[in-house]
Amino acid sequence: MQISLSYQQKKILESRHKMSRDKRECDRIKAILLSAEGWSEELISQALRKHKTSITRHLNDYVTSQKITSDNGGSEGYLS
């Protein structure tokens, strides 16, 4: 899957990558940016050390719903 991004979209993703502390979110952003640069899913998965199906899912999530963040939010806190 090849993703095309505008210059503005690339800049937004790059700045978000710099500010993010979540490794999963950074990997998603890197996958999107690399795909926009013409990398194949196989090369992206090898570079990021993730399974090809994970990369495919990340790219599909971005194309369908602009999803960058992970759904792993942890649990609710018990302290009040």
N, C-alpha and C. Protein backbone atom coordinates (compact mmCIF):
# COMPACT_ATOMS: atom_id res chain seq x y z
N MET A 1 0.84 -1.16 0.00
CA MET A 1 0.00 0.00 0.00
C MET A 1 0.89 1.24 0.00
N GLN A 2 0.63 2.11 -0.91
CA GLN A 2 1.39 3.35 -1.03
C GLN A 2 0.53 4.50 -0.51
N ILE A 3 1.06 5.26 0.41
CA ILE A 3 0.36 6.41 0.96
C ILE A 3 0.97 7.67 0.36
N SER A 4 0.11 8.61 -0.03
CA SER A 4 0.62 9.88 -0.51
C SER A 4 0.25 10.97 0.50
N LEU A 5 1.23 11.77 0.86
CA LEU A 5 1.04 12.83 1.83
C LEU A 5 1.45 14.17 1.22
N SER A 6 0.76 15.20 1.63
CA SER A 6 1.16 16.54 1.21
C SER A 6 2.36 16.98 2.06
N TYR A 7 2.99 18.04 1.63
CA TYR A 7 4.13 18.58 2.38
C TYR A 7 3.69 18.94 3.80
N GLN A 8 2.53 19.54 3.93
CA GLN A 8 2.01 19.96 5.24
C GLN A 8 1.75 18.74 6.13
N GLN A 9 1.17 17.69 5.57
CA GLN A 9 0.90 16.48 6.34
C GLN A 9 2.20 15.85 6.84
N LYS A 10 3.22 15.83 5.98
CA LYS A 10 4.52 15.29 6.40
C LYS A 10 5.10 16.08 7.55
N LYS A 11 5.04 17.40 7.47
CA LYS A 11 5.58 18.24 8.54
C LYS A 11 4.84 18.03 9.85
N ILE A 12 3.53 17.88 9.77
CA ILE A 12 2.74 17.63 10.98
C ILE A 12 3.13 16.30 11.61
N LEU A 13 3.25 15.26 10.79
CA LEU A 13 3.64 13.94 11.31
C LEU A 13 5.06 13.96 11.88
N GLU A 14 5.98 14.65 11.21
CA GLU A 14 7.35 14.71 11.71
C GLU A 14 7.43 15.44 13.04
N SER A 15 6.69 16.53 13.19
CA SER A 15 6.72 17.25 14.47
C SER A 15 6.05 16.44 15.57
N ARG A 16 4.98 15.73 15.22
CA ARG A 16 4.32 14.88 16.22
C ARG A 16 5.26 13.74 16.65
N HIS A 17 6.03 13.22 15.71
CA HIS A 17 6.99 12.17 16.02
C HIS A 17 8.05 12.67 17.00
N LYS A 18 8.50 13.88 16.81
CA LYS A 18 9.51 14.46 17.72
C LYS A 18 8.96 14.66 19.12
N MET A 19 7.70 15.03 19.23
CA MET A 19 7.11 15.33 20.54
C MET A 19 6.60 14.10 21.28
N SER A 20 6.32 13.03 20.56
CA SER A 20 5.71 11.85 21.18
C SER A 20 6.72 11.07 22.02
N ARG A 21 6.23 10.56 23.14
CA ARG A 21 7.04 9.70 24.00
C ARG A 21 6.60 8.24 23.91
N ASP A 22 5.50 8.02 23.18
CA ASP A 22 4.96 6.67 23.04
C ASP A 22 5.64 5.98 21.86
N LYS A 23 6.37 4.91 22.14
CA LYS A 23 7.11 4.19 21.11
C LYS A 23 6.19 3.63 20.03
N ARG A 24 5.00 3.16 20.43
CA ARG A 24 4.06 2.59 19.45
C ARG A 24 3.57 3.66 18.49
N GLU A 25 3.28 4.84 19.02
CA GLU A 25 2.84 5.94 18.16
C GLU A 25 3.96 6.35 17.21
N CYS A 26 5.18 6.40 17.70
CA CYS A 26 6.32 6.75 16.85
C CYS A 26 6.50 5.73 15.73
N ASP A 27 6.34 4.45 16.04
CA ASP A 27 6.46 3.42 15.01
C ASP A 27 5.37 3.57 13.94
N ARG A 28 4.16 3.90 14.35
CA ARG A 28 3.07 4.12 13.40
C ARG A 28 3.41 5.29 12.47
N ILE A 29 3.90 6.38 13.06
CA ILE A 29 4.24 7.56 12.27
C ILE A 29 5.38 7.24 11.30
N LYS A 30 6.39 6.52 11.78
CA LYS A 30 7.50 6.15 10.89
C LYS A 30 7.02 5.28 9.74
N ALA A 31 6.12 4.36 10.01
CA ALA A 31 5.59 3.50 8.95
C ALA A 31 4.86 4.32 7.90
N ILE A 32 4.08 5.30 8.34
CA ILE A 32 3.33 6.15 7.41
C ILE A 32 4.29 6.98 6.57
N LEU A 33 5.27 7.59 7.22
CA LEU A 33 6.23 8.44 6.49
C LEU A 33 7.06 7.62 5.51
N LEU A 34 7.49 6.44 5.92
CA LEU A 34 8.29 5.60 5.02
C LEU A 34 7.47 5.13 3.82
N SER A 35 6.21 4.82 4.06
CA SER A 35 5.34 4.43 2.96
C SER A 35 5.17 5.59 1.97
N ALA A 36 5.05 6.79 2.50
CA ALA A 36 4.92 7.97 1.63
C ALA A 36 6.19 8.22 0.82
N GLU A 37 7.32 7.74 1.33
CA GLU A 37 8.60 7.89 0.61
C GLU A 37 8.84 6.76 -0.39
N GLY A 38 7.89 5.84 -0.49
CA GLY A 38 7.99 4.79 -1.49
C GLY A 38 8.48 3.45 -0.98
N TRP A 39 8.67 3.30 0.31
CA TRP A 39 9.12 2.03 0.86
C TRP A 39 7.98 1.01 0.79
N SER A 40 8.34 -0.24 0.57
CA SER A 40 7.34 -1.31 0.58
C SER A 40 7.05 -1.72 2.02
N GLU A 41 5.95 -2.42 2.21
CA GLU A 41 5.58 -2.89 3.55
C GLU A 41 6.63 -3.86 4.09
N GLU A 42 7.22 -4.65 3.22
CA GLU A 42 8.25 -5.60 3.65
C GLU A 42 9.47 -4.87 4.18
N LEU A 43 9.91 -3.81 3.47
CA LEU A 43 11.07 -3.05 3.92
C LEU A 43 10.79 -2.30 5.21
N ILE A 44 9.59 -1.74 5.32
CA ILE A 44 9.22 -1.02 6.54
C ILE A 44 9.21 -1.98 7.73
N SER A 45 8.63 -3.16 7.54
CA SER A 45 8.57 -4.12 8.64
C SER A 45 9.96 -4.58 9.05
N GLN A 46 10.84 -4.72 8.09
CA GLN A 46 12.22 -5.11 8.41
C GLN A 46 12.93 -3.98 9.15
N ALA A 47 12.77 -2.75 8.70
CA ALA A 47 13.45 -1.62 9.32
C ALA A 47 12.96 -1.36 10.74
N LEU A 48 11.65 -1.51 10.96
CA LEU A 48 11.08 -1.23 12.28
C LEU A 48 11.03 -2.46 13.18
N ARG A 49 11.44 -3.60 12.64
CA ARG A 49 11.43 -4.86 13.38
C ARG A 49 10.03 -5.21 13.89
N LYS A 50 9.04 -5.05 12.98
CA LYS A 50 7.67 -5.40 13.28
C LYS A 50 7.19 -6.37 12.21
N HIS A 51 6.15 -7.12 12.53
CA HIS A 51 5.59 -8.07 11.57
C HIS A 51 4.90 -7.31 10.44
N LYS A 52 4.93 -7.87 9.25
CA LYS A 52 4.35 -7.22 8.08
C LYS A 52 2.85 -6.95 8.27
N THR A 53 2.14 -7.84 8.94
CA THR A 53 0.71 -7.61 9.16
C THR A 53 0.47 -6.40 10.06
N SER A 54 1.38 -6.16 11.00
CA SER A 54 1.25 -4.98 11.86
C SER A 54 1.42 -3.71 11.04
N ILE A 55 2.39 -3.70 10.15
CA ILE A 55 2.62 -2.54 9.29
C ILE A 55 1.42 -2.32 8.38
N THR A 56 0.90 -3.38 7.81
CA THR A 56 -0.28 -3.27 6.95
C THR A 56 -1.46 -2.69 7.73
N ARG A 57 -1.65 -3.16 8.96
CA ARG A 57 -2.74 -2.65 9.80
C ARG A 57 -2.53 -1.17 10.12
N HIS A 58 -1.30 -0.77 10.46
CA HIS A 58 -1.01 0.64 10.75
C HIS A 58 -1.33 1.52 9.55
N LEU A 59 -0.93 1.09 8.37
CA LEU A 59 -1.17 1.89 7.17
C LEU A 59 -2.65 1.95 6.84
N ASN A 60 -3.35 0.82 6.97
CA ASN A 60 -4.80 0.81 6.71
C ASN A 60 -5.54 1.70 7.71
N ASP A 61 -5.13 1.66 8.97
CA ASP A 61 -5.77 2.51 9.98
C ASP A 61 -5.58 3.99 9.64
N TYR A 62 -4.41 4.34 9.15
CA TYR A 62 -4.18 5.74 8.80
C TYR A 62 -5.01 6.16 7.58
N VAL A 63 -5.07 5.29 6.58
CA VAL A 63 -5.82 5.63 5.37
C VAL A 63 -7.31 5.75 5.66
N THR A 64 -7.85 4.85 6.46
CA THR A 64 -9.29 4.86 6.69
C THR A 64 -9.74 5.90 7.71
N SER A 65 -8.94 6.10 8.77
CA SER A 65 -9.43 6.99 9.83
C SER A 65 -8.37 7.94 10.39
N GLN A 66 -7.26 8.13 9.68
CA GLN A 66 -6.19 9.02 10.13
C GLN A 66 -5.69 8.65 11.53
N LYS A 67 -5.71 7.35 11.86
CA LYS A 67 -5.32 6.89 13.19
C LYS A 67 -3.81 6.85 13.33
N ILE A 68 -3.32 7.47 14.39
CA ILE A 68 -1.89 7.46 14.69
C ILE A 68 -1.64 6.88 16.07
N THR A 69 -2.53 7.15 17.01
CA THR A 69 -2.32 6.70 18.38
C THR A 69 -2.72 5.25 18.54
N SER A 70 -2.18 4.64 19.58
CA SER A 70 -2.49 3.26 19.90
C SER A 70 -3.73 3.21 20.78
N ASP A 71 -4.47 2.12 20.72
CA ASP A 71 -5.66 1.97 21.54
C ASP A 71 -5.32 1.48 22.95
N ASN A 72 -4.08 1.16 23.19
CA ASN A 72 -3.66 0.66 24.50
C ASN A 72 -3.58 1.84 25.46
N GLY A 73 -4.64 2.06 26.18
CA GLY A 73 -4.69 3.19 27.11
C GLY A 73 -4.45 2.80 28.55
N GLY A 74 -4.29 1.53 28.82
CA GLY A 74 -4.12 1.10 30.20
C GLY A 74 -5.47 0.97 30.90
N SER A 75 -5.41 0.90 32.20
CA SER A 75 -6.64 0.75 32.96
C SER A 75 -6.94 2.04 33.72
N GLU A 76 -8.15 2.09 34.26
CA GLU A 76 -8.56 3.25 35.05
C GLU A 76 -7.80 3.24 36.38
N GLY A 77 -7.49 4.41 36.87
CA GLY A 77 -6.80 4.51 38.14
C GLY A 77 -7.72 4.21 39.31
N TYR A 78 -7.17 3.70 40.37
CA TYR A 78 -7.96 3.36 41.55
C TYR A 78 -7.92 4.46 42.61
N LEU A 79 -6.99 5.38 42.52
CA LEU A 79 -6.88 6.43 43.50
C LEU A 79 -7.80 7.59 43.15
N SER A 80 -8.31 8.24 44.16
CA SER A 80 -9.18 9.39 43.93
C SER A 80 -8.45 10.67 44.27
